[in-house]
Amino acid sequence: MQVHEAAGLTITKVSVGPIDNNVFLLRCRSTGKQLMIDAAAEPDRLLELVGDGGLETVVTTHRHADHWQALAAVVEATGAVSLAHPVDAPGLPVPAGDPGEVVRVGEVELEVVHLAGHTPGSIALVYRGPDGDCRVWTGDSLFPGGVGNTQGDPERFASLIGDVETKIFGRLPDETIVYPGHGLDTTLGRERPELPAWRARGW
């Protein structure tokens, strides 16, 4: 488990399941309200992480099953609202509302960014702190070393790399911390020089 502090927000990261999915619990430091990103697996462990503070919202970044194995159990136990992009929502085990353009966790706003390609309805969540701090949760759309898997489909790859370039790299500073759906964190500054190579290789 890793804990990161941002202005007004405590971020707890845990890895669960057989392919080490990252789950993030975001807690508003002013109100104590909590939001989870990708209830991927091991529901008992995730509920222990939530603790007595309750859980208002679970955001699922995309419809692939490794990202929602614990979703039904977590929603049932906490009464949390399930949110996902409308295109991917039918693939989830519980009904999911449309997150719209902004999701709130207490007093903190998270911008919802649609990144089509890994799945049609993949989303990222962007936090912009009052101190200039910027963080983005990218699901399986952006990792250290490249964008998400598009199964060799050139149209899907073009869509994903285009969205990632314009909506993430084109709008957020190099200092932005990237929290992917699997593996290690990175920053946009670390990855930005490799964008031409990613495009050239086609994955």
N, C-alpha and C. Protein backbone atom coordinates (compact mmCIF):
# COMPACT_ATOMS: atom_id res chain seq x y z
N MET A 1 0.84 -1.19 0.00
CA MET A 1 0.00 0.00 0.00
C MET A 1 0.87 1.24 0.00
N GLN A 2 0.49 2.22 -0.81
CA GLN A 2 1.18 3.50 -0.87
C GLN A 2 0.19 4.62 -0.57
N VAL A 3 0.64 5.62 0.17
CA VAL A 3 -0.20 6.77 0.49
C VAL A 3 0.50 8.03 -0.02
N HIS A 4 -0.24 8.83 -0.78
CA HIS A 4 0.27 10.08 -1.32
C HIS A 4 -0.63 11.21 -0.86
N GLU A 5 -0.05 12.35 -0.56
CA GLU A 5 -0.82 13.51 -0.11
C GLU A 5 -0.81 14.59 -1.18
N ALA A 6 -1.99 15.09 -1.49
CA ALA A 6 -2.15 16.27 -2.34
C ALA A 6 -2.91 17.31 -1.53
N ALA A 7 -2.98 18.50 -2.04
CA ALA A 7 -3.70 19.55 -1.33
C ALA A 7 -5.18 19.16 -1.23
N GLY A 8 -5.64 18.91 -0.02
CA GLY A 8 -7.04 18.58 0.17
C GLY A 8 -7.40 17.14 -0.11
N LEU A 9 -6.43 16.30 -0.51
CA LEU A 9 -6.75 14.95 -0.94
C LEU A 9 -5.68 13.97 -0.47
N THR A 10 -6.12 12.87 0.13
CA THR A 10 -5.23 11.75 0.46
C THR A 10 -5.50 10.63 -0.52
N ILE A 11 -4.45 10.11 -1.14
CA ILE A 11 -4.56 9.09 -2.18
C ILE A 11 -3.89 7.82 -1.68
N THR A 12 -4.66 6.75 -1.58
CA THR A 12 -4.11 5.45 -1.18
C THR A 12 -4.17 4.51 -2.38
N LYS A 13 -3.04 3.88 -2.67
CA LYS A 13 -2.93 2.97 -3.81
C LYS A 13 -2.62 1.57 -3.32
N VAL A 14 -3.40 0.60 -3.80
CA VAL A 14 -3.12 -0.80 -3.49
C VAL A 14 -3.16 -1.60 -4.78
N SER A 15 -2.43 -2.69 -4.80
CA SER A 15 -2.42 -3.60 -5.94
C SER A 15 -3.15 -4.88 -5.55
N VAL A 16 -4.10 -5.29 -6.40
CA VAL A 16 -4.93 -6.45 -6.07
C VAL A 16 -5.07 -7.37 -7.28
N GLY A 17 -5.48 -8.61 -6.99
CA GLY A 17 -5.81 -9.54 -8.05
C GLY A 17 -4.62 -10.21 -8.70
N PRO A 18 -4.89 -11.17 -9.59
CA PRO A 18 -3.83 -11.98 -10.18
C PRO A 18 -2.94 -11.25 -11.17
N ILE A 19 -3.39 -10.11 -11.70
CA ILE A 19 -2.52 -9.37 -12.62
C ILE A 19 -2.23 -7.96 -12.08
N ASP A 20 -2.25 -7.86 -10.75
CA ASP A 20 -1.78 -6.64 -10.07
C ASP A 20 -2.45 -5.37 -10.59
N ASN A 21 -3.76 -5.35 -10.46
CA ASN A 21 -4.50 -4.13 -10.79
C ASN A 21 -4.31 -3.09 -9.69
N ASN A 22 -4.14 -1.86 -10.08
CA ASN A 22 -4.09 -0.77 -9.11
C ASN A 22 -5.49 -0.28 -8.78
N VAL A 23 -5.75 -0.15 -7.48
CA VAL A 23 -6.99 0.46 -6.99
C VAL A 23 -6.59 1.69 -6.19
N PHE A 24 -7.34 2.77 -6.38
CA PHE A 24 -7.04 4.02 -5.70
C PHE A 24 -8.23 4.45 -4.86
N LEU A 25 -7.96 4.77 -3.60
CA LEU A 25 -8.98 5.34 -2.73
C LEU A 25 -8.60 6.80 -2.49
N LEU A 26 -9.48 7.69 -2.89
CA LEU A 26 -9.26 9.13 -2.74
C LEU A 26 -10.14 9.63 -1.59
N ARG A 27 -9.53 10.34 -0.65
CA ARG A 27 -10.26 10.85 0.51
C ARG A 27 -10.09 12.35 0.60
N CYS A 28 -11.20 13.08 0.62
CA CYS A 28 -11.17 14.52 0.81
C CYS A 28 -10.77 14.81 2.25
N ARG A 29 -9.70 15.57 2.41
CA ARG A 29 -9.18 15.81 3.76
C ARG A 29 -10.08 16.76 4.55
N SER A 30 -10.90 17.54 3.89
CA SER A 30 -11.79 18.46 4.58
C SER A 30 -13.07 17.79 5.08
N THR A 31 -13.62 16.91 4.25
CA THR A 31 -14.94 16.32 4.56
C THR A 31 -14.88 14.85 4.94
N GLY A 32 -13.79 14.16 4.60
CA GLY A 32 -13.71 12.73 4.85
C GLY A 32 -14.42 11.89 3.81
N LYS A 33 -15.05 12.51 2.82
CA LYS A 33 -15.73 11.76 1.77
C LYS A 33 -14.71 10.97 0.96
N GLN A 34 -15.11 9.79 0.48
CA GLN A 34 -14.18 8.91 -0.22
C GLN A 34 -14.73 8.46 -1.57
N LEU A 35 -13.80 8.29 -2.51
CA LEU A 35 -14.11 7.82 -3.86
C LEU A 35 -13.08 6.76 -4.22
N MET A 36 -13.53 5.68 -4.87
CA MET A 36 -12.62 4.61 -5.30
C MET A 36 -12.56 4.58 -6.82
N ILE A 37 -11.36 4.38 -7.33
CA ILE A 37 -11.15 4.21 -8.77
C ILE A 37 -10.81 2.75 -9.04
N ASP A 38 -11.68 2.06 -9.76
CA ASP A 38 -11.51 0.67 -10.19
C ASP A 38 -11.50 -0.32 -9.01
N ALA A 39 -12.67 -0.80 -8.65
CA ALA A 39 -12.80 -1.85 -7.63
C ALA A 39 -12.48 -3.18 -8.29
N ALA A 40 -11.18 -3.45 -8.44
CA ALA A 40 -10.71 -4.47 -9.37
C ALA A 40 -10.85 -5.90 -8.85
N ALA A 41 -10.55 -6.15 -7.58
CA ALA A 41 -10.54 -7.51 -7.04
C ALA A 41 -10.39 -7.44 -5.53
N GLU A 42 -10.45 -8.60 -4.89
CA GLU A 42 -10.25 -8.71 -3.44
C GLU A 42 -11.16 -7.75 -2.66
N PRO A 43 -12.49 -7.96 -2.75
CA PRO A 43 -13.41 -7.02 -2.12
C PRO A 43 -13.21 -6.85 -0.62
N ASP A 44 -12.88 -7.92 0.09
CA ASP A 44 -12.68 -7.78 1.53
C ASP A 44 -11.55 -6.82 1.84
N ARG A 45 -10.49 -6.91 1.06
CA ARG A 45 -9.36 -6.01 1.25
C ARG A 45 -9.73 -4.56 0.93
N LEU A 46 -10.53 -4.38 -0.11
CA LEU A 46 -10.94 -3.03 -0.47
C LEU A 46 -11.88 -2.44 0.57
N LEU A 47 -12.76 -3.25 1.10
CA LEU A 47 -13.66 -2.75 2.14
C LEU A 47 -12.90 -2.41 3.42
N GLU A 48 -11.87 -3.18 3.70
CA GLU A 48 -11.02 -2.85 4.85
C GLU A 48 -10.32 -1.51 4.61
N LEU A 49 -9.92 -1.28 3.37
CA LEU A 49 -9.28 -0.02 3.02
C LEU A 49 -10.25 1.15 3.21
N VAL A 50 -11.49 0.96 2.81
CA VAL A 50 -12.51 2.01 2.97
C VAL A 50 -12.72 2.32 4.45
N GLY A 51 -12.74 1.28 5.28
CA GLY A 51 -12.89 1.47 6.72
C GLY A 51 -14.24 2.01 7.11
N ASP A 52 -14.27 2.76 8.19
CA ASP A 52 -15.52 3.29 8.72
C ASP A 52 -15.93 4.60 8.06
N GLY A 53 -15.12 5.10 7.15
CA GLY A 53 -15.39 6.41 6.56
C GLY A 53 -16.47 6.42 5.51
N GLY A 54 -16.92 5.22 5.10
CA GLY A 54 -17.93 5.16 4.06
C GLY A 54 -17.34 5.44 2.68
N LEU A 55 -18.10 5.09 1.68
CA LEU A 55 -17.66 5.27 0.30
C LEU A 55 -18.82 5.84 -0.50
N GLU A 56 -18.61 6.99 -1.10
CA GLU A 56 -19.67 7.64 -1.86
C GLU A 56 -19.76 7.18 -3.30
N THR A 57 -18.60 6.93 -3.92
CA THR A 57 -18.56 6.73 -5.36
C THR A 57 -17.50 5.72 -5.74
N VAL A 58 -17.82 4.88 -6.74
CA VAL A 58 -16.81 4.05 -7.40
C VAL A 58 -16.81 4.40 -8.88
N VAL A 59 -15.68 4.86 -9.39
CA VAL A 59 -15.53 5.15 -10.81
C VAL A 59 -14.76 4.00 -11.45
N THR A 60 -15.33 3.43 -12.51
CA THR A 60 -14.66 2.37 -13.26
C THR A 60 -14.10 2.97 -14.54
N THR A 61 -12.79 2.85 -14.73
CA THR A 61 -12.15 3.53 -15.86
C THR A 61 -12.51 2.92 -17.21
N HIS A 62 -12.82 1.63 -17.23
CA HIS A 62 -13.24 0.99 -18.48
C HIS A 62 -13.82 -0.38 -18.17
N ARG A 63 -14.38 -1.03 -19.20
CA ARG A 63 -15.23 -2.19 -19.00
C ARG A 63 -14.50 -3.52 -18.87
N HIS A 64 -13.19 -3.58 -19.03
CA HIS A 64 -12.49 -4.86 -18.96
C HIS A 64 -12.64 -5.48 -17.57
N ALA A 65 -12.87 -6.78 -17.54
CA ALA A 65 -13.30 -7.45 -16.31
C ALA A 65 -12.29 -7.38 -15.19
N ASP A 66 -11.01 -7.29 -15.50
CA ASP A 66 -10.03 -7.24 -14.40
C ASP A 66 -10.13 -5.95 -13.60
N HIS A 67 -10.89 -4.98 -14.08
CA HIS A 67 -11.03 -3.71 -13.36
C HIS A 67 -12.32 -3.61 -12.54
N TRP A 68 -13.15 -4.66 -12.56
CA TRP A 68 -14.41 -4.56 -11.80
C TRP A 68 -14.82 -5.84 -11.07
N GLN A 69 -13.90 -6.75 -10.83
CA GLN A 69 -14.27 -8.01 -10.17
C GLN A 69 -14.86 -7.80 -8.77
N ALA A 70 -14.46 -6.74 -8.09
CA ALA A 70 -14.97 -6.47 -6.74
C ALA A 70 -16.06 -5.41 -6.72
N LEU A 71 -16.44 -4.91 -7.88
CA LEU A 71 -17.36 -3.77 -7.93
C LEU A 71 -18.71 -4.08 -7.28
N ALA A 72 -19.32 -5.18 -7.65
CA ALA A 72 -20.65 -5.49 -7.12
C ALA A 72 -20.62 -5.62 -5.60
N ALA A 73 -19.61 -6.30 -5.08
CA ALA A 73 -19.51 -6.50 -3.63
C ALA A 73 -19.27 -5.18 -2.91
N VAL A 74 -18.43 -4.34 -3.46
CA VAL A 74 -18.12 -3.05 -2.82
C VAL A 74 -19.35 -2.15 -2.84
N VAL A 75 -20.04 -2.09 -3.96
CA VAL A 75 -21.25 -1.26 -4.05
C VAL A 75 -22.33 -1.76 -3.10
N GLU A 76 -22.50 -3.07 -3.05
CA GLU A 76 -23.52 -3.64 -2.17
C GLU A 76 -23.21 -3.34 -0.70
N ALA A 77 -21.95 -3.44 -0.33
CA ALA A 77 -21.57 -3.26 1.08
C ALA A 77 -21.59 -1.81 1.51
N THR A 78 -21.35 -0.89 0.58
CA THR A 78 -21.18 0.52 0.96
C THR A 78 -22.33 1.42 0.52
N GLY A 79 -23.10 0.97 -0.46
CA GLY A 79 -24.11 1.84 -1.04
C GLY A 79 -23.55 2.90 -1.95
N ALA A 80 -22.31 2.75 -2.35
CA ALA A 80 -21.67 3.74 -3.22
C ALA A 80 -22.35 3.80 -4.58
N VAL A 81 -22.29 4.97 -5.20
CA VAL A 81 -22.78 5.16 -6.55
C VAL A 81 -21.72 4.68 -7.54
N SER A 82 -22.13 3.88 -8.52
CA SER A 82 -21.23 3.38 -9.55
C SER A 82 -21.30 4.30 -10.76
N LEU A 83 -20.12 4.71 -11.26
CA LEU A 83 -20.04 5.59 -12.42
C LEU A 83 -19.09 5.01 -13.46
N ALA A 84 -19.44 5.15 -14.73
CA ALA A 84 -18.57 4.75 -15.84
C ALA A 84 -19.08 5.45 -17.09
N HIS A 85 -18.21 5.56 -18.09
CA HIS A 85 -18.64 6.16 -19.35
C HIS A 85 -19.82 5.36 -19.92
N PRO A 86 -20.83 6.03 -20.47
CA PRO A 86 -22.01 5.31 -20.96
C PRO A 86 -21.73 4.24 -22.01
N VAL A 87 -20.67 4.41 -22.79
CA VAL A 87 -20.36 3.41 -23.81
C VAL A 87 -19.89 2.10 -23.18
N ASP A 88 -19.14 2.20 -22.08
CA ASP A 88 -18.60 1.01 -21.43
C ASP A 88 -19.49 0.49 -20.31
N ALA A 89 -20.41 1.30 -19.82
CA ALA A 89 -21.22 0.93 -18.66
C ALA A 89 -21.99 -0.39 -18.83
N PRO A 90 -22.53 -0.70 -20.02
CA PRO A 90 -23.27 -1.97 -20.15
C PRO A 90 -22.42 -3.21 -19.90
N GLY A 91 -21.11 -3.09 -19.95
CA GLY A 91 -20.22 -4.23 -19.70
C GLY A 91 -19.92 -4.47 -18.24
N LEU A 92 -20.48 -3.66 -17.34
CA LEU A 92 -20.20 -3.80 -15.91
C LEU A 92 -21.26 -4.65 -15.22
N PRO A 93 -20.92 -5.22 -14.06
CA PRO A 93 -21.86 -6.13 -13.38
C PRO A 93 -22.95 -5.42 -12.59
N VAL A 94 -22.85 -4.12 -12.43
CA VAL A 94 -23.89 -3.33 -11.75
C VAL A 94 -24.18 -2.11 -12.61
N PRO A 95 -25.38 -1.54 -12.49
CA PRO A 95 -25.67 -0.32 -13.25
C PRO A 95 -24.69 0.79 -12.90
N ALA A 96 -24.33 1.58 -13.90
CA ALA A 96 -23.38 2.67 -13.68
C ALA A 96 -23.91 3.93 -14.32
N GLY A 97 -23.90 5.01 -13.56
CA GLY A 97 -24.33 6.29 -14.08
C GLY A 97 -23.24 6.96 -14.89
N ASP A 98 -23.63 7.98 -15.62
CA ASP A 98 -22.71 8.77 -16.44
C ASP A 98 -21.98 9.76 -15.53
N PRO A 99 -20.65 9.73 -15.51
CA PRO A 99 -19.92 10.67 -14.64
C PRO A 99 -19.98 12.10 -15.11
N GLY A 100 -20.37 12.32 -16.37
CA GLY A 100 -20.39 13.67 -16.90
C GLY A 100 -18.99 14.22 -17.07
N GLU A 101 -18.84 15.52 -16.87
CA GLU A 101 -17.55 16.16 -17.09
C GLU A 101 -16.72 16.28 -15.82
N VAL A 102 -17.38 16.21 -14.66
CA VAL A 102 -16.69 16.39 -13.38
C VAL A 102 -17.27 15.42 -12.36
N VAL A 103 -16.38 14.76 -11.61
CA VAL A 103 -16.78 13.93 -10.48
C VAL A 103 -16.22 14.58 -9.22
N ARG A 104 -17.02 14.61 -8.17
CA ARG A 104 -16.58 15.24 -6.92
C ARG A 104 -16.31 14.18 -5.86
N VAL A 105 -15.28 14.46 -5.06
CA VAL A 105 -15.05 13.70 -3.84
C VAL A 105 -14.93 14.74 -2.73
N GLY A 106 -16.00 14.89 -1.98
CA GLY A 106 -16.05 15.97 -1.01
C GLY A 106 -15.93 17.31 -1.70
N GLU A 107 -14.95 18.11 -1.30
CA GLU A 107 -14.75 19.43 -1.89
C GLU A 107 -13.82 19.43 -3.10
N VAL A 108 -13.34 18.26 -3.49
CA VAL A 108 -12.36 18.15 -4.58
C VAL A 108 -13.06 17.75 -5.87
N GLU A 109 -12.71 18.43 -6.95
CA GLU A 109 -13.25 18.10 -8.26
C GLU A 109 -12.23 17.33 -9.09
N LEU A 110 -12.73 16.33 -9.82
CA LEU A 110 -11.92 15.54 -10.74
C LEU A 110 -12.52 15.68 -12.13
N GLU A 111 -11.72 16.12 -13.08
CA GLU A 111 -12.20 16.24 -14.46
C GLU A 111 -12.23 14.87 -15.12
N VAL A 112 -13.30 14.57 -15.83
CA VAL A 112 -13.43 13.31 -16.54
C VAL A 112 -13.00 13.52 -17.99
N VAL A 113 -12.05 12.70 -18.45
CA VAL A 113 -11.51 12.83 -19.80
C VAL A 113 -11.73 11.52 -20.55
N HIS A 114 -12.43 11.58 -21.68
CA HIS A 114 -12.70 10.40 -22.49
C HIS A 114 -11.51 10.11 -23.40
N LEU A 115 -10.99 8.88 -23.31
CA LEU A 115 -9.84 8.45 -24.11
C LEU A 115 -10.23 7.17 -24.85
N ALA A 116 -10.71 7.29 -26.05
CA ALA A 116 -11.23 6.13 -26.79
C ALA A 116 -10.10 5.38 -27.47
N GLY A 117 -10.12 4.05 -27.35
CA GLY A 117 -9.13 3.24 -28.05
C GLY A 117 -8.86 1.92 -27.37
N HIS A 118 -8.42 1.97 -26.09
CA HIS A 118 -8.25 0.71 -25.36
C HIS A 118 -9.60 0.02 -25.24
N THR A 119 -10.60 0.78 -24.85
CA THR A 119 -12.01 0.43 -25.04
C THR A 119 -12.70 1.68 -25.55
N PRO A 120 -13.91 1.55 -26.09
CA PRO A 120 -14.59 2.74 -26.62
C PRO A 120 -14.90 3.79 -25.55
N GLY A 121 -15.11 3.34 -24.31
CA GLY A 121 -15.52 4.26 -23.26
C GLY A 121 -14.50 4.44 -22.14
N SER A 122 -13.24 4.24 -22.43
CA SER A 122 -12.21 4.45 -21.39
C SER A 122 -12.18 5.91 -20.97
N ILE A 123 -11.96 6.13 -19.68
CA ILE A 123 -11.84 7.50 -19.17
C ILE A 123 -10.62 7.63 -18.28
N ALA A 124 -10.18 8.88 -18.14
CA ALA A 124 -9.17 9.25 -17.16
C ALA A 124 -9.78 10.30 -16.24
N LEU A 125 -9.21 10.43 -15.04
CA LEU A 125 -9.65 11.43 -14.09
C LEU A 125 -8.47 12.35 -13.79
N VAL A 126 -8.70 13.65 -13.85
CA VAL A 126 -7.64 14.64 -13.66
C VAL A 126 -7.91 15.45 -12.40
N TYR A 127 -6.91 15.53 -11.54
CA TYR A 127 -6.94 16.39 -10.35
C TYR A 127 -6.00 17.56 -10.56
N ARG A 128 -6.52 18.76 -10.33
CA ARG A 128 -5.69 19.98 -10.39
C ARG A 128 -5.79 20.65 -9.03
N GLY A 129 -4.68 20.70 -8.31
CA GLY A 129 -4.67 21.29 -6.98
C GLY A 129 -4.51 22.79 -7.01
N PRO A 130 -4.89 23.46 -5.93
CA PRO A 130 -4.75 24.91 -5.86
C PRO A 130 -3.30 25.38 -5.85
N ASP A 131 -2.39 24.46 -5.56
CA ASP A 131 -0.97 24.78 -5.53
C ASP A 131 -0.26 24.46 -6.84
N GLY A 132 -1.05 24.15 -7.88
CA GLY A 132 -0.46 23.79 -9.16
C GLY A 132 -0.20 22.31 -9.33
N ASP A 133 -0.37 21.54 -8.27
CA ASP A 133 -0.20 20.08 -8.34
C ASP A 133 -1.20 19.51 -9.32
N CYS A 134 -0.76 18.56 -10.14
CA CYS A 134 -1.64 17.94 -11.13
C CYS A 134 -1.38 16.44 -11.15
N ARG A 135 -2.47 15.68 -11.15
CA ARG A 135 -2.38 14.22 -11.16
C ARG A 135 -3.46 13.67 -12.07
N VAL A 136 -3.17 12.52 -12.72
CA VAL A 136 -4.15 11.93 -13.62
C VAL A 136 -4.15 10.41 -13.44
N TRP A 137 -5.36 9.86 -13.31
CA TRP A 137 -5.57 8.42 -13.23
C TRP A 137 -6.00 7.97 -14.61
N THR A 138 -5.22 7.10 -15.24
CA THR A 138 -5.40 6.82 -16.67
C THR A 138 -5.96 5.44 -16.97
N GLY A 139 -6.29 4.64 -15.97
CA GLY A 139 -6.76 3.30 -16.27
C GLY A 139 -5.74 2.56 -17.10
N ASP A 140 -6.21 1.93 -18.19
CA ASP A 140 -5.28 1.22 -19.08
C ASP A 140 -5.02 2.00 -20.37
N SER A 141 -5.21 3.32 -20.35
CA SER A 141 -4.99 4.12 -21.55
C SER A 141 -3.58 4.68 -21.66
N LEU A 142 -2.88 4.82 -20.52
CA LEU A 142 -1.51 5.35 -20.55
C LEU A 142 -0.71 4.73 -19.42
N PHE A 143 0.46 4.21 -19.78
CA PHE A 143 1.38 3.58 -18.85
C PHE A 143 2.78 4.17 -19.02
N PRO A 144 3.69 3.89 -18.09
CA PRO A 144 5.09 4.15 -18.38
C PRO A 144 5.51 3.37 -19.63
N GLY A 145 5.95 4.06 -20.65
CA GLY A 145 6.42 3.37 -21.85
C GLY A 145 5.44 3.24 -22.98
N GLY A 146 4.22 3.74 -22.81
CA GLY A 146 3.30 3.66 -23.94
C GLY A 146 1.84 3.77 -23.57
N VAL A 147 1.02 3.77 -24.61
CA VAL A 147 -0.43 3.78 -24.40
C VAL A 147 -0.93 2.35 -24.22
N GLY A 148 -2.22 2.23 -23.93
CA GLY A 148 -2.79 0.91 -23.68
C GLY A 148 -2.87 0.03 -24.92
N ASN A 149 -3.16 -1.22 -24.68
CA ASN A 149 -3.23 -2.22 -25.74
C ASN A 149 -4.44 -1.97 -26.64
N THR A 150 -4.21 -1.91 -27.93
CA THR A 150 -5.31 -1.79 -28.89
C THR A 150 -5.36 -3.00 -29.82
N GLN A 151 -4.77 -4.11 -29.40
CA GLN A 151 -4.85 -5.39 -30.11
C GLN A 151 -4.45 -5.30 -31.57
N GLY A 152 -3.48 -4.44 -31.86
CA GLY A 152 -2.98 -4.35 -33.23
C GLY A 152 -3.92 -3.67 -34.21
N ASP A 153 -4.98 -3.07 -33.73
CA ASP A 153 -5.96 -2.40 -34.59
C ASP A 153 -5.47 -0.98 -34.86
N PRO A 154 -5.12 -0.65 -36.10
CA PRO A 154 -4.55 0.68 -36.37
C PRO A 154 -5.54 1.81 -36.11
N GLU A 155 -6.82 1.60 -36.31
CA GLU A 155 -7.80 2.65 -36.05
C GLU A 155 -7.93 2.91 -34.55
N ARG A 156 -7.97 1.85 -33.77
CA ARG A 156 -8.06 2.03 -32.33
C ARG A 156 -6.79 2.68 -31.78
N PHE A 157 -5.64 2.29 -32.30
CA PHE A 157 -4.39 2.90 -31.86
C PHE A 157 -4.36 4.39 -32.21
N ALA A 158 -4.76 4.72 -33.43
CA ALA A 158 -4.76 6.12 -33.85
C ALA A 158 -5.68 6.95 -32.96
N SER A 159 -6.81 6.38 -32.60
CA SER A 159 -7.75 7.07 -31.71
C SER A 159 -7.13 7.29 -30.34
N LEU A 160 -6.54 6.24 -29.78
CA LEU A 160 -5.99 6.34 -28.43
C LEU A 160 -4.79 7.27 -28.37
N ILE A 161 -3.84 7.10 -29.27
CA ILE A 161 -2.65 7.96 -29.22
C ILE A 161 -3.04 9.41 -29.48
N GLY A 162 -4.02 9.61 -30.36
CA GLY A 162 -4.48 10.96 -30.62
C GLY A 162 -5.12 11.60 -29.40
N ASP A 163 -5.99 10.84 -28.73
CA ASP A 163 -6.64 11.36 -27.52
C ASP A 163 -5.63 11.62 -26.41
N VAL A 164 -4.71 10.69 -26.22
CA VAL A 164 -3.71 10.85 -25.16
C VAL A 164 -2.82 12.07 -25.44
N GLU A 165 -2.43 12.25 -26.70
CA GLU A 165 -1.59 13.40 -27.04
C GLU A 165 -2.32 14.73 -26.83
N THR A 166 -3.56 14.81 -27.30
CA THR A 166 -4.25 16.09 -27.27
C THR A 166 -4.90 16.39 -25.91
N LYS A 167 -5.50 15.37 -25.30
CA LYS A 167 -6.29 15.60 -24.09
C LYS A 167 -5.49 15.46 -22.80
N ILE A 168 -4.36 14.77 -22.87
CA ILE A 168 -3.51 14.59 -21.68
C ILE A 168 -2.21 15.39 -21.85
N PHE A 169 -1.36 14.96 -22.75
CA PHE A 169 -0.07 15.65 -22.93
C PHE A 169 -0.26 17.08 -23.42
N GLY A 170 -1.29 17.32 -24.22
CA GLY A 170 -1.50 18.65 -24.77
C GLY A 170 -2.08 19.64 -23.79
N ARG A 171 -2.59 19.17 -22.66
CA ARG A 171 -3.29 20.06 -21.74
C ARG A 171 -2.70 20.09 -20.33
N LEU A 172 -1.86 19.13 -20.01
CA LEU A 172 -1.37 19.02 -18.64
C LEU A 172 0.15 19.20 -18.60
N PRO A 173 0.68 19.74 -17.51
CA PRO A 173 2.12 20.04 -17.43
C PRO A 173 2.97 18.79 -17.24
N ASP A 174 4.25 18.93 -17.51
CA ASP A 174 5.19 17.82 -17.38
C ASP A 174 5.24 17.25 -15.97
N GLU A 175 4.97 18.08 -14.97
CA GLU A 175 5.05 17.62 -13.59
C GLU A 175 3.88 16.73 -13.19
N THR A 176 2.88 16.59 -14.06
CA THR A 176 1.70 15.78 -13.76
C THR A 176 2.08 14.35 -13.42
N ILE A 177 1.61 13.87 -12.29
CA ILE A 177 1.83 12.48 -11.90
C ILE A 177 0.78 11.60 -12.58
N VAL A 178 1.23 10.51 -13.18
CA VAL A 178 0.35 9.57 -13.87
C VAL A 178 0.19 8.32 -13.02
N TYR A 179 -1.06 8.00 -12.69
CA TYR A 179 -1.38 6.78 -11.94
C TYR A 179 -2.09 5.82 -12.89
N PRO A 180 -1.38 4.81 -13.41
CA PRO A 180 -2.01 3.88 -14.36
C PRO A 180 -2.75 2.75 -13.65
N GLY A 181 -3.48 1.97 -14.44
CA GLY A 181 -4.29 0.89 -13.90
C GLY A 181 -3.50 -0.33 -13.47
N HIS A 182 -2.25 -0.42 -13.89
CA HIS A 182 -1.33 -1.49 -13.49
C HIS A 182 0.05 -0.88 -13.36
N GLY A 183 0.86 -1.40 -12.47
CA GLY A 183 2.26 -1.05 -12.44
C GLY A 183 2.59 0.27 -11.78
N LEU A 184 3.76 0.78 -12.15
CA LEU A 184 4.35 1.93 -11.46
C LEU A 184 3.78 3.25 -11.96
N ASP A 185 3.85 4.25 -11.11
CA ASP A 185 3.48 5.61 -11.48
C ASP A 185 4.58 6.19 -12.37
N THR A 186 4.23 7.29 -13.05
CA THR A 186 5.21 8.01 -13.84
C THR A 186 4.80 9.47 -13.88
N THR A 187 5.46 10.26 -14.72
CA THR A 187 5.05 11.64 -14.94
C THR A 187 4.95 11.89 -16.44
N LEU A 188 4.19 12.91 -16.81
CA LEU A 188 4.09 13.23 -18.23
C LEU A 188 5.42 13.69 -18.78
N GLY A 189 6.21 14.40 -17.98
CA GLY A 189 7.51 14.85 -18.45
C GLY A 189 8.45 13.71 -18.78
N ARG A 190 8.35 12.63 -18.01
CA ARG A 190 9.19 11.47 -18.26
C ARG A 190 8.80 10.77 -19.55
N GLU A 191 7.51 10.77 -19.86
CA GLU A 191 7.02 10.03 -21.03
C GLU A 191 6.97 10.87 -22.31
N ARG A 192 6.84 12.18 -22.18
CA ARG A 192 6.60 13.03 -23.34
C ARG A 192 7.62 12.86 -24.47
N PRO A 193 8.94 12.76 -24.18
CA PRO A 193 9.90 12.63 -25.27
C PRO A 193 9.70 11.37 -26.12
N GLU A 194 8.99 10.38 -25.60
CA GLU A 194 8.83 9.11 -26.30
C GLU A 194 7.61 9.08 -27.22
N LEU A 195 6.78 10.12 -27.19
CA LEU A 195 5.55 10.10 -28.00
C LEU A 195 5.80 9.82 -29.48
N PRO A 196 6.80 10.45 -30.12
CA PRO A 196 7.03 10.13 -31.53
C PRO A 196 7.39 8.66 -31.75
N ALA A 197 8.14 8.07 -30.84
CA ALA A 197 8.50 6.65 -30.96
C ALA A 197 7.27 5.77 -30.82
N TRP A 198 6.37 6.12 -29.90
CA TRP A 198 5.14 5.34 -29.73
C TRP A 198 4.33 5.37 -31.03
N ARG A 199 4.21 6.56 -31.62
CA ARG A 199 3.46 6.67 -32.87
C ARG A 199 4.11 5.84 -33.97
N ALA A 200 5.42 5.92 -34.05
CA ALA A 200 6.14 5.22 -35.11
C ALA A 200 5.98 3.70 -35.02
N ARG A 201 6.00 3.18 -33.82
CA ARG A 201 5.92 1.73 -33.66
C ARG A 201 4.48 1.23 -33.77
N GLY A 202 3.50 2.09 -33.55
CA GLY A 202 2.11 1.72 -33.74
C GLY A 202 1.46 0.99 -32.58
N TRP A 203 2.07 1.10 -31.38
CA TRP A 203 1.47 0.49 -30.20
C TRP A 203 2.00 1.16 -28.95
